[in-house]
Structures are given as structure tokens and as C-alpha cells.
Amino acid sequence: MDDLDTALVEDSEDLTHAEVDRSIITCGVDELIAHVKAWKCERCGQPTEGAPSNHALRRRAPHLYARMRVVCANPEQHESTLVFRVDWLQSESTFPNP
């Protein structure tokens, strides 16, 4: 079973209630990308620098979450973690059966 399959069937112990509460609900990949691009650093207000540096899928039934670490464009490279609800990744159209 690969990581995505595991994420779809198990509740993730390392996903906190605070992360679930502050998660951003998304309806598709374009909306998720738009949120990442629009992100501004909480410490200095700079935008993100490129793509997220790390990401992971986490499950909290009945929802699926994507946790992403982003770094701002400031030379100090402040890190933040964004959490998105990505239930659309669970749909049959996203993962068709062979």
C-alpha cells in the first residue's frame, strides 16, 4: 500500500485539532495553487518563494488534508505550514479504478 492509499484509510495521529480547525477548504488543484501563491508571510508580509518545500497528506475521517511547508521570499526565509482540506482528492474521478 502506498502513502496515498494509507492516507485515505487511516486517521493521522500527527494532524492536530488546531490544524484541522484552521485548514483552508479547497475544491480542486487550481484553488489550492491560488491559495499558495496568494500566501503572505505572517512575520514579514513577503510572498512565498516558489513551490512548497515539503508536503504530506493526512487523514481525519471523513476528510483528507494536505499539509504544506512554505518559505517566504525574505532573505531570512521564514517558514510556515499551510493546511488545506482536499476532499476532492478522494473522488472517483481523481482516482479511477483500473
C-alpha atoms as a PDB file:
ATOM      1  CA  MET A   1       0.000   0.000   0.000  1.00  0.00           C
ATOM      2  CA  ASP A   2       1.493   3.370  -0.932  1.00  0.00           C
ATOM      3  CA  ASP A   3       1.362   6.581   1.140  1.00  0.00           C
ATOM      4  CA  LEU A   4      -1.729   7.919  -0.625  1.00  0.00           C
ATOM      5  CA  ASP A   5      -3.654   4.706  -0.004  1.00  0.00           C
ATOM      6  CA  THR A   6      -2.627   4.787   3.656  1.00  0.00           C
ATOM      7  CA  ALA A   7      -3.695   8.422   3.965  1.00  0.00           C
ATOM      8  CA  LEU A   8      -7.123   7.570   2.590  1.00  0.00           C
ATOM      9  CA  VAL A   9      -7.927   4.831   5.131  1.00  0.00           C
ATOM     10  CA  GLU A  10      -6.205   5.834   8.401  1.00  0.00           C
ATOM     11  CA  ASP A  11      -6.688   8.746  10.770  1.00  0.00           C
ATOM     12  CA  SER A  12      -3.373  10.548  11.098  1.00  0.00           C
ATOM     13  CA  GLU A  13      -2.197  10.876  14.680  1.00  0.00           C
ATOM     14  CA  ASP A  14       0.124  13.779  13.833  1.00  0.00           C
ATOM     15  CA  LEU A  15      -2.660  16.014  12.437  1.00  0.00           C
ATOM     16  CA  THR A  16      -3.671  18.301  15.287  1.00  0.00           C
ATOM     17  CA  HIS A  17      -7.120  19.688  16.057  1.00  0.00           C
ATOM     18  CA  ALA A  18      -5.678  23.193  15.599  1.00  0.00           C
ATOM     19  CA  GLU A  19      -4.523  22.295  12.067  1.00  0.00           C
ATOM     20  CA  VAL A  20      -7.959  20.889  11.213  1.00  0.00           C
ATOM     21  CA  ASP A  21      -9.659  23.988  12.621  1.00  0.00           C
ATOM     22  CA  ARG A  22      -7.506  26.411  10.599  1.00  0.00           C
ATOM     23  CA  SER A  23      -7.468  24.334   7.401  1.00  0.00           C
ATOM     24  CA  ILE A  24      -8.484  26.018   4.175  1.00  0.00           C
ATOM     25  CA  ILE A  25     -11.208  24.190   2.262  1.00  0.00           C
ATOM     26  CA  THR A  26     -10.375  23.734  -1.423  1.00  0.00           C
ATOM     27  CA  CYS A  27     -12.418  22.376  -4.322  1.00  0.00           C
ATOM     28  CA  GLY A  28      -9.593  21.498  -6.709  1.00  0.00           C
ATOM     29  CA  VAL A  29      -5.923  21.811  -7.531  1.00  0.00           C
ATOM     30  CA  ASP A  30      -6.301  25.241  -9.155  1.00  0.00           C
ATOM     31  CA  GLU A  31      -7.846  26.667  -5.993  1.00  0.00           C
ATOM     32  CA  LEU A  32      -5.112  25.103  -3.823  1.00  0.00           C
ATOM     33  CA  ILE A  33      -2.384  26.591  -6.049  1.00  0.00           C
ATOM     34  CA  ALA A  34      -4.085  30.001  -5.925  1.00  0.00           C
ATOM     35  CA  HIS A  35      -4.066  29.923  -2.107  1.00  0.00           C
ATOM     36  CA  VAL A  36      -0.364  29.012  -2.009  1.00  0.00           C
ATOM     37  CA  LYS A  37       0.504  31.765  -4.493  1.00  0.00           C
ATOM     38  CA  ALA A  38      -1.539  34.322  -2.532  1.00  0.00           C
ATOM     39  CA  TRP A  39       0.047  33.414   0.815  1.00  0.00           C
ATOM     40  CA  LYS A  40       1.927  36.169   2.648  1.00  0.00           C
ATOM     41  CA  CYS A  41       4.387  35.520   5.482  1.00  0.00           C
ATOM     42  CA  GLU A  42       2.886  36.222   8.912  1.00  0.00           C
ATOM     43  CA  ARG A  43       6.213  37.633  10.143  1.00  0.00           C
ATOM     44  CA  CYS A  44       7.268  39.948   7.296  1.00  0.00           C
ATOM     45  CA  GLY A  45       4.452  40.030   4.714  1.00  0.00           C
ATOM     46  CA  GLN A  46       6.598  38.670   1.870  1.00  0.00           C
ATOM     47  CA  PRO A  47       5.021  36.227  -0.619  1.00  0.00           C
ATOM     48  CA  THR A  48       6.018  32.595  -0.916  1.00  0.00           C
ATOM     49  CA  GLU A  49       9.214  31.759  -2.751  1.00  0.00           C
ATOM     50  CA  GLY A  50       8.415  29.110  -5.346  1.00  0.00           C
ATOM     51  CA  ALA A  51       6.698  25.819  -4.631  1.00  0.00           C
ATOM     52  CA  PRO A  52       6.105  24.398  -1.150  1.00  0.00           C
ATOM     53  CA  SER A  53       9.296  22.896   0.258  1.00  0.00           C
ATOM     54  CA  ASN A  54       7.531  19.913   1.791  1.00  0.00           C
ATOM     55  CA  HIS A  55       4.057  18.418   1.674  1.00  0.00           C
ATOM     56  CA  ALA A  56       2.152  15.484   3.141  1.00  0.00           C
ATOM     57  CA  LEU A  57      -1.358  14.076   3.006  1.00  0.00           C
ATOM     58  CA  ARG A  58      -3.112  13.450   6.291  1.00  0.00           C
ATOM     59  CA  ARG A  59      -6.471  11.877   7.069  1.00  0.00           C
ATOM     60  CA  ARG A  60      -9.076  12.793   9.675  1.00  0.00           C
ATOM     61  CA  ALA A  61     -12.213  10.889   8.726  1.00  0.00           C
ATOM     62  CA  PRO A  62     -14.169  11.772   6.725  1.00  0.00           C
ATOM     63  CA  HIS A  63     -11.768  14.412   5.389  1.00  0.00           C
ATOM     64  CA  LEU A  64      -8.363  14.422   3.687  1.00  0.00           C
ATOM     65  CA  TYR A  65      -5.850  17.204   4.368  1.00  0.00           C
ATOM     66  CA  ALA A  66      -2.699  18.426   2.629  1.00  0.00           C
ATOM     67  CA  ARG A  67      -0.060  19.927   4.913  1.00  0.00           C
ATOM     68  CA  MET A  68       2.471  22.128   3.094  1.00  0.00           C
ATOM     69  CA  ARG A  69       5.564  23.931   4.330  1.00  0.00           C
ATOM     70  CA  VAL A  70       6.137  27.220   2.535  1.00  0.00           C
ATOM     71  CA  VAL A  71       9.077  29.618   2.718  1.00  0.00           C
ATOM     72  CA  CYS A  72       8.844  33.361   2.161  1.00  0.00           C
ATOM     73  CA  ALA A  73      10.986  35.364  -0.257  1.00  0.00           C
ATOM     74  CA  ASN A  74      12.655  37.278   2.613  1.00  0.00           C
ATOM     75  CA  PRO A  75      16.407  36.546   2.882  1.00  0.00           C
ATOM     76  CA  GLU A  76      15.680  35.113   6.362  1.00  0.00           C
ATOM     77  CA  GLN A  77      13.348  32.566   4.685  1.00  0.00           C
ATOM     78  CA  HIS A  78      10.651  32.342   7.338  1.00  0.00           C
ATOM     79  CA  GLU A  79       8.785  29.024   7.226  1.00  0.00           C
ATOM     80  CA  SER A  80       5.068  28.498   7.740  1.00  0.00           C
ATOM     81  CA  THR A  81       2.813  25.491   7.486  1.00  0.00           C
ATOM     82  CA  LEU A  82      -0.417  25.688   5.480  1.00  0.00           C
ATOM     83  CA  VAL A  83      -3.116  23.049   5.838  1.00  0.00           C
ATOM     84  CA  PHE A  84      -5.757  22.519   3.165  1.00  0.00           C
ATOM     85  CA  ARG A  85      -8.819  20.281   3.184  1.00  0.00           C
ATOM     86  CA  VAL A  86      -8.562  18.353  -0.084  1.00  0.00           C
ATOM     87  CA  ASP A  87     -11.577  16.043  -0.083  1.00  0.00           C
ATOM     88  CA  TRP A  88     -11.636  16.300  -3.894  1.00  0.00           C
ATOM     89  CA  LEU A  89      -8.571  14.004  -3.964  1.00  0.00           C
ATOM     90  CA  GLN A  90     -10.811  11.191  -2.725  1.00  0.00           C
ATOM     91  CA  SER A  91     -13.277  11.346  -5.625  1.00  0.00           C
ATOM     92  CA  GLU A  92     -13.617   8.528  -8.143  1.00  0.00           C
ATOM     93  CA  SER A  93     -12.808  10.916 -10.984  1.00  0.00           C
ATOM     94  CA  THR A  94      -9.452  11.718  -9.348  1.00  0.00           C
ATOM     95  CA  PHE A  95      -8.517   8.078  -8.836  1.00  0.00           C
ATOM     96  CA  PRO A  96     -10.348   5.974 -11.428  1.00  0.00           C
ATOM     97  CA  ASN A  97     -10.319   2.233 -10.910  1.00  0.00           C
ATOM     98  CA  PRO A  98      -8.200   0.342 -13.468  1.00  0.00           C
END
